[in-house]
Amino acid sequence: MVSVNGPINKHFMGRSFVAPPGKSPKGYHDVYVNIGLGLKACQMFPPYLPILEPACNAAQYDGLMEALKNKMKADAQDPCAIKCAVMLAACTGCVCFARSVS
């Protein structure tokens, strides 16, 4: 996957697992999911794995993934807009700095 800023490291994207023992409140099993970045087209949604069974069943997990996909589709940032904002901030900062020095 490549974004405006270059290649994206997908090594840890698209993973899900149950929280280690002692990390969840008593009687609960938390599921940790790493879908990737909050930029458009920079997510990987992992499939359900049977090891997640203590925390949720396949239907619950699929519902969660569908809700996350809808949220990312609606609210994910455009990588181009992020890069433009960073460049604009850098240019504006330079102009303000030059005025305050002179």
N, C-alpha and C. Protein backbone atom coordinates (compact mmCIF):
# COMPACT_ATOMS: atom_id res chain seq x y z
N MET A 1 0.84 -1.17 0.00
CA MET A 1 0.00 0.00 0.00
C MET A 1 0.90 1.24 0.00
N VAL A 2 0.56 2.20 -0.83
CA VAL A 2 1.34 3.43 -0.92
C VAL A 2 0.42 4.62 -0.73
N SER A 3 0.84 5.56 0.09
CA SER A 3 0.08 6.78 0.28
C SER A 3 0.84 7.93 -0.35
N VAL A 4 0.33 9.13 -0.16
CA VAL A 4 0.98 10.33 -0.68
C VAL A 4 2.38 10.46 -0.09
N ASN A 5 2.54 10.05 1.16
CA ASN A 5 3.82 10.18 1.85
C ASN A 5 4.77 9.02 1.58
N GLY A 6 4.40 8.09 0.72
CA GLY A 6 5.26 6.95 0.41
C GLY A 6 4.64 5.66 0.91
N PRO A 7 5.43 4.60 0.94
CA PRO A 7 4.90 3.30 1.35
C PRO A 7 4.46 3.29 2.82
N ILE A 8 3.41 2.55 3.09
CA ILE A 8 2.88 2.43 4.44
C ILE A 8 3.28 1.07 4.99
N ASN A 9 3.81 1.04 6.21
CA ASN A 9 4.18 -0.20 6.85
C ASN A 9 2.92 -0.91 7.32
N LYS A 10 2.59 -2.04 6.69
CA LYS A 10 1.38 -2.78 7.02
C LYS A 10 1.66 -3.95 7.94
N HIS A 11 2.85 -3.99 8.52
CA HIS A 11 3.25 -5.15 9.31
C HIS A 11 2.30 -5.45 10.46
N PHE A 12 1.81 -4.44 11.16
CA PHE A 12 0.95 -4.67 12.31
C PHE A 12 -0.53 -4.41 12.01
N MET A 13 -0.85 -4.03 10.79
CA MET A 13 -2.25 -3.77 10.43
C MET A 13 -3.00 -5.08 10.24
N GLY A 14 -4.29 -5.05 10.54
CA GLY A 14 -5.13 -6.22 10.28
C GLY A 14 -4.94 -7.34 11.28
N ARG A 15 -4.71 -6.99 12.54
CA ARG A 15 -4.54 -8.01 13.58
C ARG A 15 -5.61 -7.83 14.66
N SER A 16 -6.04 -8.95 15.22
CA SER A 16 -6.96 -8.90 16.35
C SER A 16 -6.56 -9.99 17.34
N PHE A 17 -6.75 -9.70 18.63
CA PHE A 17 -6.44 -10.69 19.65
C PHE A 17 -7.17 -10.36 20.94
N VAL A 18 -7.29 -11.36 21.79
CA VAL A 18 -7.91 -11.18 23.10
C VAL A 18 -6.86 -10.62 24.04
N ALA A 19 -7.28 -9.69 24.89
CA ALA A 19 -6.35 -9.07 25.84
C ALA A 19 -5.71 -10.13 26.73
N PRO A 20 -4.44 -9.92 27.10
CA PRO A 20 -3.76 -10.87 27.99
C PRO A 20 -4.48 -10.97 29.34
N PRO A 21 -4.35 -12.11 30.02
CA PRO A 21 -4.99 -12.26 31.34
C PRO A 21 -4.56 -11.13 32.28
N GLY A 22 -5.51 -10.62 33.02
CA GLY A 22 -5.23 -9.55 33.98
C GLY A 22 -5.34 -8.15 33.40
N LYS A 23 -5.52 -8.02 32.10
CA LYS A 23 -5.62 -6.70 31.47
C LYS A 23 -7.07 -6.24 31.32
N SER A 24 -8.03 -7.16 31.42
CA SER A 24 -9.45 -6.83 31.30
C SER A 24 -10.09 -6.84 32.68
N PRO A 25 -11.19 -6.10 32.86
CA PRO A 25 -11.91 -6.17 34.14
C PRO A 25 -12.38 -7.60 34.41
N LYS A 26 -12.51 -7.95 35.68
CA LYS A 26 -12.88 -9.31 36.04
C LYS A 26 -14.20 -9.71 35.39
N GLY A 27 -14.21 -10.86 34.77
CA GLY A 27 -15.41 -11.37 34.10
C GLY A 27 -15.56 -10.92 32.66
N TYR A 28 -14.64 -10.11 32.17
CA TYR A 28 -14.71 -9.62 30.80
C TYR A 28 -13.47 -10.05 30.01
N HIS A 29 -13.63 -10.11 28.71
CA HIS A 29 -12.51 -10.38 27.81
C HIS A 29 -12.50 -9.29 26.76
N ASP A 30 -11.50 -8.47 26.75
CA ASP A 30 -11.39 -7.40 25.76
C ASP A 30 -10.75 -7.93 24.48
N VAL A 31 -11.20 -7.40 23.36
CA VAL A 31 -10.60 -7.73 22.07
C VAL A 31 -9.87 -6.49 21.58
N TYR A 32 -8.61 -6.66 21.22
CA TYR A 32 -7.82 -5.58 20.64
C TYR A 32 -7.77 -5.80 19.13
N VAL A 33 -8.07 -4.73 18.38
CA VAL A 33 -8.07 -4.81 16.92
C VAL A 33 -7.24 -3.65 16.38
N ASN A 34 -6.28 -3.95 15.52
CA ASN A 34 -5.49 -2.92 14.86
C ASN A 34 -5.89 -2.93 13.39
N ILE A 35 -6.63 -1.89 12.99
CA ILE A 35 -7.07 -1.83 11.60
C ILE A 35 -6.16 -0.96 10.74
N GLY A 36 -5.27 -0.21 11.34
CA GLY A 36 -4.34 0.61 10.58
C GLY A 36 -4.50 2.09 10.86
N LEU A 37 -4.42 2.89 9.82
CA LEU A 37 -4.42 4.34 9.95
C LEU A 37 -5.81 4.93 9.72
N GLY A 38 -6.02 6.16 10.19
CA GLY A 38 -7.28 6.85 9.99
C GLY A 38 -7.33 7.61 8.67
N LEU A 39 -6.58 7.14 7.70
CA LEU A 39 -6.58 7.76 6.37
C LEU A 39 -7.36 6.86 5.41
N LYS A 40 -7.97 7.46 4.40
CA LYS A 40 -8.75 6.68 3.43
C LYS A 40 -7.88 5.62 2.78
N ALA A 41 -8.44 4.42 2.66
CA ALA A 41 -7.80 3.27 2.01
C ALA A 41 -6.51 2.83 2.71
N CYS A 42 -6.37 3.11 3.99
CA CYS A 42 -5.18 2.70 4.74
C CYS A 42 -5.56 1.81 5.92
N GLN A 43 -6.57 0.96 5.73
CA GLN A 43 -6.99 0.05 6.77
C GLN A 43 -7.00 -1.39 6.24
N MET A 44 -6.84 -2.31 7.17
CA MET A 44 -7.01 -3.74 6.89
C MET A 44 -7.89 -4.28 8.02
N PHE A 45 -9.01 -4.87 7.66
CA PHE A 45 -9.95 -5.39 8.65
C PHE A 45 -9.76 -6.90 8.77
N PRO A 46 -9.26 -7.36 9.93
CA PRO A 46 -8.95 -8.79 10.07
C PRO A 46 -10.22 -9.63 10.14
N PRO A 47 -10.16 -10.86 9.62
CA PRO A 47 -11.31 -11.76 9.73
C PRO A 47 -11.45 -12.30 11.15
N TYR A 48 -12.60 -12.86 11.43
CA TYR A 48 -12.84 -13.47 12.75
C TYR A 48 -11.97 -14.70 12.91
N LEU A 49 -11.40 -14.84 14.09
CA LEU A 49 -10.59 -16.02 14.41
C LEU A 49 -11.24 -16.74 15.59
N PRO A 50 -11.27 -18.07 15.58
CA PRO A 50 -11.89 -18.82 16.69
C PRO A 50 -11.27 -18.51 18.05
N ILE A 51 -10.04 -18.07 18.09
CA ILE A 51 -9.39 -17.76 19.37
C ILE A 51 -10.06 -16.58 20.08
N LEU A 52 -10.86 -15.80 19.36
CA LEU A 52 -11.57 -14.66 19.94
C LEU A 52 -12.86 -15.08 20.66
N GLU A 53 -13.19 -16.36 20.61
CA GLU A 53 -14.44 -16.88 21.17
C GLU A 53 -14.71 -16.50 22.63
N PRO A 54 -13.71 -16.43 23.53
CA PRO A 54 -14.04 -16.02 24.90
C PRO A 54 -14.63 -14.61 24.97
N ALA A 55 -14.29 -13.76 24.02
CA ALA A 55 -14.72 -12.37 24.06
C ALA A 55 -15.98 -12.11 23.24
N CYS A 56 -16.11 -12.76 22.10
CA CYS A 56 -17.25 -12.50 21.22
C CYS A 56 -17.43 -13.65 20.23
N ASN A 57 -18.63 -13.75 19.67
CA ASN A 57 -18.86 -14.75 18.64
C ASN A 57 -18.66 -14.11 17.26
N ALA A 58 -18.75 -14.89 16.22
CA ALA A 58 -18.48 -14.40 14.87
C ALA A 58 -19.45 -13.29 14.45
N ALA A 59 -20.71 -13.41 14.83
CA ALA A 59 -21.71 -12.40 14.45
C ALA A 59 -21.41 -11.06 15.11
N GLN A 60 -21.05 -11.09 16.40
CA GLN A 60 -20.71 -9.85 17.11
C GLN A 60 -19.47 -9.21 16.49
N TYR A 61 -18.47 -10.02 16.20
CA TYR A 61 -17.22 -9.51 15.62
C TYR A 61 -17.47 -8.91 14.25
N ASP A 62 -18.25 -9.61 13.42
CA ASP A 62 -18.55 -9.09 12.08
C ASP A 62 -19.34 -7.79 12.16
N GLY A 63 -20.23 -7.67 13.15
CA GLY A 63 -20.96 -6.42 13.35
C GLY A 63 -20.02 -5.28 13.73
N LEU A 64 -19.06 -5.58 14.59
CA LEU A 64 -18.06 -4.58 14.98
C LEU A 64 -17.23 -4.14 13.78
N MET A 65 -16.77 -5.09 12.97
CA MET A 65 -15.96 -4.76 11.81
C MET A 65 -16.76 -3.93 10.81
N GLU A 66 -18.04 -4.26 10.65
CA GLU A 66 -18.90 -3.50 9.72
C GLU A 66 -19.07 -2.06 10.22
N ALA A 67 -19.26 -1.90 11.54
CA ALA A 67 -19.38 -0.55 12.12
C ALA A 67 -18.08 0.23 11.93
N LEU A 68 -16.94 -0.42 12.13
CA LEU A 68 -15.66 0.26 11.91
C LEU A 68 -15.47 0.65 10.45
N LYS A 69 -15.84 -0.23 9.53
CA LYS A 69 -15.72 0.09 8.10
C LYS A 69 -16.58 1.31 7.75
N ASN A 70 -17.82 1.33 8.27
CA ASN A 70 -18.70 2.47 7.99
C ASN A 70 -18.14 3.76 8.58
N LYS A 71 -17.59 3.68 9.79
CA LYS A 71 -17.00 4.86 10.43
C LYS A 71 -15.80 5.37 9.63
N MET A 72 -14.95 4.45 9.19
CA MET A 72 -13.77 4.84 8.40
C MET A 72 -14.19 5.41 7.04
N LYS A 73 -15.22 4.84 6.46
CA LYS A 73 -15.70 5.35 5.17
C LYS A 73 -16.23 6.77 5.31
N ALA A 74 -16.89 7.04 6.45
CA ALA A 74 -17.49 8.36 6.66
C ALA A 74 -16.49 9.39 7.15
N ASP A 75 -15.54 8.99 8.02
CA ASP A 75 -14.71 9.97 8.71
C ASP A 75 -13.21 9.90 8.44
N ALA A 76 -12.75 8.95 7.66
CA ALA A 76 -11.31 8.84 7.41
C ALA A 76 -10.82 10.07 6.65
N GLN A 77 -9.63 10.49 6.98
CA GLN A 77 -9.04 11.68 6.36
C GLN A 77 -8.42 11.34 5.00
N ASP A 78 -8.45 12.30 4.11
CA ASP A 78 -7.81 12.15 2.81
C ASP A 78 -6.32 12.38 2.98
N PRO A 79 -5.47 11.42 2.57
CA PRO A 79 -4.03 11.59 2.74
C PRO A 79 -3.49 12.86 2.08
N CYS A 80 -4.09 13.25 0.95
CA CYS A 80 -3.65 14.47 0.25
C CYS A 80 -3.92 15.71 1.11
N ALA A 81 -5.07 15.74 1.76
CA ALA A 81 -5.41 16.89 2.60
C ALA A 81 -4.45 17.00 3.78
N ILE A 82 -4.06 15.87 4.35
CA ILE A 82 -3.12 15.88 5.47
C ILE A 82 -1.77 16.44 5.03
N LYS A 83 -1.30 15.97 3.89
CA LYS A 83 0.00 16.44 3.40
C LYS A 83 -0.06 17.94 3.08
N CYS A 84 -1.16 18.40 2.47
CA CYS A 84 -1.30 19.82 2.17
C CYS A 84 -1.32 20.65 3.45
N ALA A 85 -2.01 20.16 4.49
CA ALA A 85 -2.08 20.89 5.75
C ALA A 85 -0.69 21.01 6.38
N VAL A 86 0.08 19.93 6.33
CA VAL A 86 1.44 19.96 6.89
C VAL A 86 2.32 20.94 6.12
N MET A 87 2.23 20.91 4.80
CA MET A 87 3.03 21.81 3.97
C MET A 87 2.61 23.27 4.20
N LEU A 88 1.31 23.51 4.31
CA LEU A 88 0.81 24.86 4.55
C LEU A 88 1.29 25.37 5.91
N ALA A 89 1.24 24.51 6.91
CA ALA A 89 1.70 24.91 8.24
C ALA A 89 3.19 25.25 8.22
N ALA A 90 3.97 24.45 7.49
CA ALA A 90 5.40 24.71 7.40
C ALA A 90 5.67 26.05 6.70
N CYS A 91 4.96 26.29 5.61
CA CYS A 91 5.14 27.55 4.88
C CYS A 91 4.70 28.75 5.71
N THR A 92 3.56 28.62 6.38
CA THR A 92 3.06 29.72 7.20
C THR A 92 3.99 29.99 8.37
N GLY A 93 4.51 28.95 8.98
CA GLY A 93 5.44 29.11 10.09
C GLY A 93 6.70 29.84 9.66
N CYS A 94 7.17 29.53 8.48
CA CYS A 94 8.37 30.19 7.99
C CYS A 94 8.13 31.68 7.75
N VAL A 95 6.96 32.02 7.20
CA VAL A 95 6.64 33.42 6.94
C VAL A 95 6.51 34.18 8.26
N CYS A 96 5.82 33.60 9.23
CA CYS A 96 5.65 34.26 10.53
C CYS A 96 7.01 34.43 11.22
N PHE A 97 7.86 33.44 11.14
CA PHE A 97 9.17 33.51 11.77
C PHE A 97 10.02 34.59 11.13
N ALA A 98 9.96 34.69 9.80
CA ALA A 98 10.76 35.70 9.08
C ALA A 98 10.30 37.10 9.47
N ARG A 99 9.02 37.31 9.65
CA ARG A 99 8.51 38.63 10.03
C ARG A 99 8.93 39.00 11.44
N SER A 100 8.93 38.01 12.35
CA SER A 100 9.25 38.33 13.74
C SER A 100 10.75 38.59 13.93
N VAL A 101 11.60 38.03 13.05
CA VAL A 101 13.03 38.22 13.17
C VAL A 101 13.46 39.58 12.61
N SER A 102 12.82 39.99 11.53
CA SER A 102 13.26 41.24 10.87
C SER A 102 12.73 42.48 11.49
